[in-house]
Amino acid sequence: MLDDLDRALIHALHIDGRAPFSRIATALDVSPQTVARRYRRLRTEASLRVVGLPDPDRAGRTQWLVRLTVAAGSAQDVAQALVRRRDTSWVKLTSGGTEIVSVIHTPTDSTAGNSLLLHDIPRTVSITAVSAHCLLHTYLGGPTNWRRSTNALDERQQRVLREHEAADTSHVPVPRQLCDQDGDLLLALQRDGRATHAELAGATGWSPGTVARRLADLRAGGAIFYDVEVDAACFGANTRALLWMSTSPSRLEHVATTLAGHDELAFVAATTGPANLVAQALCRDPTDLHHYLTRRLGSLDAIHTLETSPVLQNLKAASPIMTDLSRLRRPAGRQRTWQ
């Protein structure tokens, strides 16, 4: 479990994932060395990572939430293949380990095609059923964080973190859109959102000054944001579930915004398909989940149907690299699937 300083540091990183340890230390009233030590420990013990991600709309990407039913004994192989791809995120094993849920990122341009959805998945014999749900609008998730991970700092501390120190006063950020030349920068930020300007310069071939200005411009326009990945169990959330709900179109906006205010939920989005609303619940235990479903969620009469899929294992989060590949070691002699 996390102590107060751990929670404060995580909240600080949610506010500004690239904030220098010195500024975080000022907000938390501790030394920069203490912040650095806690950050390193949380990376090791709580799988803490800061990742820089593109806004899907501004990057010309469409997100699909895909549910795969897999033959017994093949789930780990299929999941591993999904984890290794750059166009996937949030790979989960659910419902007894025979269902895989993943977000697949595809070009919005209809002429670009999508080999994973159109060719690779349908040709995989171990996959017995597929349903794909286009994410139409995200009400909670992405730049908007789970409330229980962002409730540690008071208004003064948050204000300190939002007051950026203008090291280069000669450059005023100008909102920019993402372009093809940002590909190497985005990949580096997805691996480590706190990579230094020098490290990002090495990944892109740009100068550190150019990297700094480009980052400032992209953030000013909302083209990129920084997410904080951390093991929810460290907050006492040991029971996770995906909630597939349906409501009438006229009530969807009201229900979704209401759900986005629930502390038990970390993700809420409108989707296509029979279930036009999906959420992820993070609860203390099965009893806590039951209370949430029957009391808070059950009080919303506009929800017509509900399917609950327990999440057994998170294999990949928002970033393209898995924290621990040892969980997905393929047994010797097992046939490889698409990658």
Protein backbone atom coordinates (compact mmCIF):
# COMPACT_ATOMS: atom_id res chain seq x y z
CA MET A 1 0.00 0.00 0.00
CA LEU A 2 1.04 3.61 -0.58
CA ASP A 3 1.73 6.16 2.12
CA ASP A 4 0.77 9.84 1.98
CA LEU A 5 3.99 10.91 0.26
CA ASP A 6 3.64 8.19 -2.40
CA ARG A 7 0.09 9.33 -3.15
CA ALA A 8 1.16 12.96 -3.28
CA LEU A 9 3.96 12.16 -5.74
CA ILE A 10 1.61 10.21 -8.00
CA HIS A 11 -0.93 13.05 -7.90
CA ALA A 12 1.85 15.51 -8.77
CA LEU A 13 2.86 13.45 -11.80
CA HIS A 14 -0.77 13.37 -12.96
CA ILE A 15 -0.74 17.17 -12.94
CA ASP A 16 2.57 17.44 -14.79
CA GLY A 17 4.27 14.22 -15.79
CA ARG A 18 7.47 16.02 -16.76
CA ALA A 19 7.67 18.34 -13.74
CA PRO A 20 11.25 18.49 -12.39
CA PHE A 21 11.78 16.77 -9.07
CA SER A 22 12.75 20.17 -7.65
CA ARG A 23 9.31 21.63 -8.40
CA ILE A 24 7.54 18.53 -7.07
CA ALA A 25 9.68 18.75 -3.93
CA THR A 26 8.65 22.39 -3.43
CA ALA A 27 4.96 21.46 -3.69
CA LEU A 28 5.34 18.49 -1.33
CA ASP A 29 7.65 20.29 1.16
CA VAL A 30 10.37 17.64 0.94
CA SER A 31 13.82 17.52 -0.65
CA PRO A 32 14.37 16.74 -4.36
CA GLN A 33 16.47 13.74 -3.26
CA THR A 34 13.48 12.35 -1.35
CA VAL A 35 11.25 12.76 -4.40
CA ALA A 36 13.82 11.03 -6.63
CA ARG A 37 14.15 8.10 -4.21
CA ARG A 38 10.39 7.67 -3.92
CA TYR A 39 10.00 7.85 -7.71
CA ARG A 40 12.59 5.12 -8.23
CA ARG A 41 11.00 2.92 -5.56
CA LEU A 42 7.50 3.34 -7.02
CA ARG A 43 8.80 2.41 -10.46
CA THR A 44 10.12 -0.85 -8.99
CA GLU A 45 7.38 -1.73 -6.51
CA ALA A 46 4.23 -0.18 -8.02
CA SER A 47 5.02 -0.38 -11.77
CA LEU A 48 4.88 3.44 -11.90
CA ARG A 49 5.50 4.89 -15.34
CA VAL A 50 4.93 8.27 -16.94
CA VAL A 51 4.14 7.99 -20.65
CA GLY A 52 3.55 10.67 -23.27
CA LEU A 53 0.62 9.89 -25.54
CA PRO A 54 -0.93 11.54 -28.60
CA ASP A 55 -4.50 12.76 -28.58
CA PRO A 56 -6.20 10.22 -30.91
CA ASP A 57 -8.29 12.80 -32.77
CA ARG A 58 -5.35 15.10 -33.40
CA ALA A 59 -3.21 12.14 -34.43
CA GLY A 60 -5.80 10.96 -36.96
CA ARG A 61 -6.36 7.69 -35.10
CA THR A 62 -9.53 5.78 -34.26
CA GLN A 63 -9.68 3.53 -31.21
CA TRP A 64 -11.43 0.15 -31.28
CA LEU A 65 -12.20 -1.82 -28.14
CA VAL A 66 -11.97 -5.43 -29.29
CA ARG A 67 -13.23 -8.52 -27.43
CA LEU A 68 -11.69 -11.82 -28.50
CA THR A 69 -12.91 -15.22 -27.35
CA VAL A 70 -9.99 -17.62 -27.55
CA ALA A 71 -9.77 -21.41 -27.46
CA ALA A 72 -8.61 -22.86 -24.14
CA GLY A 73 -4.83 -22.99 -23.91
CA SER A 74 -4.21 -20.30 -26.55
CA ALA A 75 -5.05 -17.14 -24.62
CA GLN A 76 -1.48 -16.41 -23.51
CA ASP A 77 -0.12 -16.78 -27.04
CA VAL A 78 -2.73 -14.49 -28.57
CA ALA A 79 -2.35 -11.98 -25.75
CA GLN A 80 1.42 -11.94 -26.16
CA ALA A 81 1.07 -11.24 -29.87
CA LEU A 82 -1.22 -8.29 -29.08
CA VAL A 83 1.09 -6.97 -26.38
CA ARG A 84 4.05 -6.85 -28.77
CA ARG A 85 2.25 -4.76 -31.37
CA ARG A 86 2.67 -0.98 -31.45
CA ASP A 87 -0.94 -0.41 -32.48
CA THR A 88 -2.45 -1.91 -29.30
CA SER A 89 -2.91 -0.80 -25.70
CA TRP A 90 -4.80 -1.94 -22.59
CA VAL A 91 -4.52 -5.68 -23.24
CA LYS A 92 -6.45 -7.60 -20.55
CA LEU A 93 -7.40 -11.17 -19.79
CA THR A 94 -11.02 -11.31 -18.63
CA SER A 95 -13.88 -13.71 -17.91
CA GLY A 96 -12.04 -16.83 -16.79
CA GLY A 97 -9.01 -16.25 -18.98
CA THR A 98 -10.63 -17.23 -22.29
CA GLU A 99 -11.49 -13.66 -23.32
CA ILE A 100 -9.00 -10.97 -24.30
CA VAL A 101 -9.95 -7.31 -24.41
CA SER A 102 -7.68 -4.80 -26.10
CA VAL A 103 -7.72 -1.32 -27.58
CA ILE A 104 -6.54 -1.25 -31.19
CA HIS A 105 -5.45 2.05 -32.75
CA THR A 106 -6.21 2.41 -36.45
CA PRO A 107 -5.86 5.24 -38.98
CA THR A 108 -9.06 7.27 -39.25
CA ASP A 109 -8.38 7.66 -42.97
CA SER A 110 -10.51 4.95 -44.57
CA THR A 111 -7.97 4.44 -47.36
CA ALA A 112 -5.19 3.48 -44.93
CA GLY A 113 -6.61 0.04 -44.13
CA ASN A 114 -6.17 -1.97 -40.95
CA SER A 115 -4.42 -5.31 -41.27
CA LEU A 116 -4.98 -6.35 -37.64
CA LEU A 117 -8.77 -6.01 -37.66
CA LEU A 118 -9.37 -6.99 -41.27
CA HIS A 119 -6.83 -9.76 -41.83
CA ASP A 120 -4.70 -10.92 -38.88
CA ILE A 121 -7.41 -11.49 -36.27
CA PRO A 122 -9.92 -13.20 -38.59
CA ARG A 123 -7.19 -15.59 -39.82
CA THR A 124 -6.14 -16.70 -36.34
CA VAL A 125 -7.74 -20.12 -35.88
CA SER A 126 -7.57 -20.07 -32.06
CA ILE A 127 -9.87 -17.02 -31.96
CA THR A 128 -13.43 -18.31 -31.95
CA ALA A 129 -15.37 -15.04 -31.67
CA VAL A 130 -14.67 -11.35 -32.26
CA SER A 131 -16.59 -8.19 -31.46
CA ALA A 132 -15.18 -4.73 -32.21
CA HIS A 133 -16.56 -1.56 -30.65
CA CYS A 134 -15.48 1.84 -31.96
CA LEU A 135 -14.79 4.27 -29.11
CA LEU A 136 -16.87 7.31 -30.02
CA HIS A 137 -16.18 9.55 -27.04
CA THR A 138 -14.18 9.18 -23.81
CA TYR A 139 -15.79 10.72 -20.74
CA LEU A 140 -13.22 9.47 -18.24
CA GLY A 141 -9.72 8.25 -19.04
CA GLY A 142 -6.85 9.53 -21.14
CA PRO A 143 -6.00 13.04 -19.84
CA THR A 144 -8.73 12.68 -17.17
CA ASN A 145 -7.51 10.49 -14.34
CA TRP A 146 -9.02 8.06 -11.86
CA ARG A 147 -10.20 10.18 -8.94
CA ARG A 148 -8.70 7.98 -6.26
CA SER A 149 -5.21 8.52 -7.69
CA THR A 150 -5.56 12.32 -7.78
CA ASN A 151 -6.92 13.31 -4.39
CA ALA A 152 -3.74 13.80 -2.34
CA LEU A 153 -2.76 17.45 -2.98
CA ASP A 154 -4.45 20.62 -1.78
CA GLU A 155 -5.10 23.64 -4.01
CA ARG A 156 -1.84 25.39 -3.07
CA GLN A 157 0.25 22.34 -3.94
CA GLN A 158 -1.56 21.90 -7.25
CA ARG A 159 -1.03 25.57 -8.08
CA VAL A 160 2.73 25.23 -7.50
CA LEU A 161 2.87 22.34 -9.94
CA ARG A 162 0.89 24.17 -12.60
CA GLU A 163 3.15 27.22 -12.48
CA HIS A 164 5.65 26.20 -15.14
CA GLU A 165 9.13 27.63 -14.78
CA ALA A 166 9.81 29.34 -18.10
CA ALA A 167 13.44 28.41 -18.64
CA ASP A 168 13.37 29.78 -22.18
CA THR A 169 11.40 33.02 -22.08
CA SER A 170 12.28 33.69 -25.71
CA HIS A 171 9.92 30.96 -26.88
CA VAL A 172 6.18 31.35 -26.47
CA PRO A 173 4.42 28.01 -27.15
CA VAL A 174 2.32 28.02 -30.31
CA PRO A 175 -0.32 25.25 -30.55
CA ARG A 176 0.74 22.70 -33.18
CA GLN A 177 -0.79 19.60 -34.71
CA LEU A 178 1.06 16.30 -34.88
CA CYS A 179 2.84 15.49 -38.14
CA ASP A 180 4.76 12.57 -39.60
CA GLN A 181 8.07 14.00 -38.34
CA ASP A 182 6.87 13.56 -34.75
CA GLY A 183 6.84 9.75 -35.00
CA ASP A 184 10.21 9.14 -33.30
CA LEU A 185 9.42 11.70 -30.61
CA LEU A 186 6.08 10.07 -29.82
CA LEU A 187 7.60 6.58 -29.65
CA ALA A 188 10.27 7.80 -27.23
CA LEU A 189 7.67 9.51 -25.04
CA GLN A 190 5.54 6.36 -24.99
CA ARG A 191 8.54 4.48 -23.65
CA ASP A 192 9.38 7.12 -21.04
CA GLY A 193 7.41 10.35 -20.71
CA ARG A 194 10.10 11.76 -18.40
CA ALA A 195 12.99 11.21 -20.81
CA THR A 196 15.32 14.21 -20.81
CA HIS A 197 15.55 16.61 -23.72
CA ALA A 198 19.00 15.17 -24.46
CA GLU A 199 17.61 11.62 -24.55
CA LEU A 200 14.74 12.70 -26.79
CA ALA A 201 17.22 14.52 -29.03
CA GLY A 202 19.13 11.27 -29.42
CA ALA A 203 15.94 9.45 -30.39
CA THR A 204 14.83 12.05 -32.92
CA GLY A 205 18.07 13.47 -34.32
CA TRP A 206 16.95 16.95 -33.30
CA SER A 207 18.75 19.33 -30.99
CA PRO A 208 17.66 19.49 -27.31
CA GLY A 209 16.39 23.02 -27.92
CA THR A 210 14.26 21.89 -30.85
CA VAL A 211 12.85 19.03 -28.74
CA ALA A 212 11.96 21.44 -25.92
CA ARG A 213 10.17 23.84 -28.26
CA ARG A 214 8.32 21.05 -30.07
CA LEU A 215 7.11 19.56 -26.79
CA ALA A 216 5.91 22.96 -25.60
CA ASP A 217 4.04 23.57 -28.85
CA LEU A 218 2.37 20.14 -28.88
CA ARG A 219 1.30 20.42 -25.25
CA ALA A 220 -0.03 23.95 -25.81
CA GLY A 221 -2.38 22.62 -28.47
CA GLY A 222 -3.41 19.50 -26.56
CA ALA A 223 -1.86 17.27 -29.23
CA ILE A 224 -0.07 15.21 -26.56
CA PHE A 225 -0.70 14.51 -22.89
CA TYR A 226 1.07 12.63 -20.13
CA ASP A 227 -0.48 9.61 -18.44
CA VAL A 228 0.64 7.94 -15.21
CA GLU A 229 0.55 4.16 -15.10
CA VAL A 230 0.53 2.60 -11.63
CA ASP A 231 -0.69 -0.69 -10.19
CA ALA A 232 -4.23 -0.02 -8.92
CA ALA A 233 -3.74 -2.64 -6.21
CA CYS A 234 -1.43 -0.17 -4.47
CA PHE A 235 -4.53 1.97 -3.91
CA GLY A 236 -6.38 -1.01 -2.47
CA ALA A 237 -8.24 -1.80 -5.72
CA ASN A 238 -7.84 -5.58 -5.95
CA THR A 239 -11.03 -6.31 -7.92
CA ARG A 240 -11.29 -4.96 -11.46
CA ALA A 241 -14.08 -5.38 -13.95
CA LEU A 242 -15.21 -4.10 -17.33
CA LEU A 243 -18.84 -3.00 -17.39
CA TRP A 244 -20.72 -3.22 -20.69
CA MET A 245 -23.94 -1.20 -20.53
CA SER A 246 -26.73 -0.12 -22.83
CA THR A 247 -28.90 2.97 -22.53
CA SER A 248 -31.12 4.92 -24.87
CA PRO A 249 -29.27 7.46 -27.05
CA SER A 250 -31.21 10.33 -25.50
CA ARG A 251 -29.93 9.40 -22.02
CA LEU A 252 -26.41 8.31 -22.92
CA GLU A 253 -24.78 11.71 -22.33
CA HIS A 254 -26.41 12.09 -18.93
CA VAL A 255 -25.53 8.57 -17.80
CA ALA A 256 -21.94 8.81 -19.05
CA THR A 257 -21.23 12.13 -17.34
CA THR A 258 -22.77 10.80 -14.13
CA LEU A 259 -20.56 7.69 -14.26
CA ALA A 260 -17.49 9.86 -14.92
CA GLY A 261 -18.03 11.33 -11.46
CA HIS A 262 -17.93 7.96 -9.68
CA ASP A 263 -14.76 7.28 -7.68
CA GLU A 264 -15.03 3.56 -8.44
CA LEU A 265 -14.55 4.06 -12.19
CA ALA A 266 -11.28 4.74 -14.02
CA PHE A 267 -12.65 4.72 -17.58
CA VAL A 268 -15.99 5.61 -19.19
CA ALA A 269 -16.60 5.78 -22.94
CA ALA A 270 -19.41 5.69 -25.48
CA THR A 271 -19.05 2.89 -28.03
CA THR A 272 -20.74 1.34 -31.01
CA GLY A 273 -22.51 -2.00 -30.68
CA PRO A 274 -25.28 -3.46 -28.50
CA ALA A 275 -23.50 -2.11 -25.41
CA ASN A 276 -23.19 1.59 -26.18
CA LEU A 277 -21.38 2.47 -22.95
CA VAL A 278 -18.33 0.79 -21.40
CA ALA A 279 -16.56 1.47 -18.10
CA GLN A 280 -13.79 -0.01 -15.99
CA ALA A 281 -14.45 -0.41 -12.26
CA LEU A 282 -11.64 -0.56 -9.69
CA CYS A 283 -12.98 -1.81 -6.36
CA ARG A 284 -11.56 -3.05 -3.09
CA ASP A 285 -12.93 -6.60 -3.32
CA PRO A 286 -15.91 -8.51 -4.81
CA THR A 287 -18.19 -7.25 -2.03
CA ASP A 288 -17.23 -3.66 -2.82
CA LEU A 289 -17.94 -4.29 -6.51
CA HIS A 290 -21.31 -5.81 -5.63
CA HIS A 291 -22.24 -2.76 -3.56
CA TYR A 292 -21.23 -0.47 -6.41
CA LEU A 293 -23.26 -2.39 -9.00
CA THR A 294 -26.40 -2.73 -6.89
CA ARG A 295 -26.42 0.61 -5.13
CA ARG A 296 -24.72 3.33 -7.17
CA LEU A 297 -25.05 1.86 -10.64
CA GLY A 298 -28.40 0.25 -9.84
CA SER A 299 -29.88 3.63 -8.99
CA LEU A 300 -29.55 4.75 -12.62
CA ASP A 301 -32.82 3.65 -14.23
CA ALA A 302 -31.59 4.74 -17.67
CA ILE A 303 -29.20 1.76 -17.80
CA HIS A 304 -31.19 -1.04 -19.48
CA THR A 305 -28.65 -3.88 -19.51
CA LEU A 306 -25.35 -4.58 -17.77
CA GLU A 307 -22.67 -7.20 -18.41
CA THR A 308 -19.80 -7.48 -15.93
CA SER A 309 -16.48 -8.97 -17.10
CA PRO A 310 -13.93 -9.52 -14.30
CA VAL A 311 -10.39 -8.53 -15.28
CA LEU A 312 -7.99 -11.29 -14.29
CA GLN A 313 -4.76 -9.73 -15.52
CA ASN A 314 -3.59 -6.47 -17.05
CA LEU A 315 -0.91 -7.39 -19.56
CA LYS A 316 -0.36 -4.03 -21.18
CA ALA A 317 -1.37 -0.48 -20.28
CA ALA A 318 -1.36 2.66 -22.42
CA SER A 319 2.30 2.50 -23.40
CA PRO A 320 3.74 0.23 -26.10
CA ILE A 321 6.15 -1.64 -23.81
CA MET A 322 5.13 -4.20 -21.21
CA THR A 323 6.46 -3.74 -17.70
CA ASP A 324 7.05 -7.47 -17.12
CA LEU A 325 7.35 -9.75 -20.13
CA SER A 326 8.06 -12.75 -17.87
CA ARG A 327 4.31 -13.05 -17.22
CA LEU A 328 3.79 -13.99 -20.84
CA ARG A 329 6.53 -16.51 -21.51
CA ARG A 330 5.44 -18.89 -24.23
CA PRO A 331 5.74 -22.59 -23.36
CA ALA A 332 8.39 -24.38 -25.41
CA GLY A 333 7.20 -25.62 -28.75
CA ARG A 334 4.04 -23.50 -28.82
CA GLN A 335 3.18 -22.22 -32.29
CA ARG A 336 3.69 -18.49 -32.83
CA THR A 337 0.72 -16.30 -33.66
CA TRP A 338 0.66 -13.04 -35.62
CA GLN A 339 2.77 -10.15 -34.28
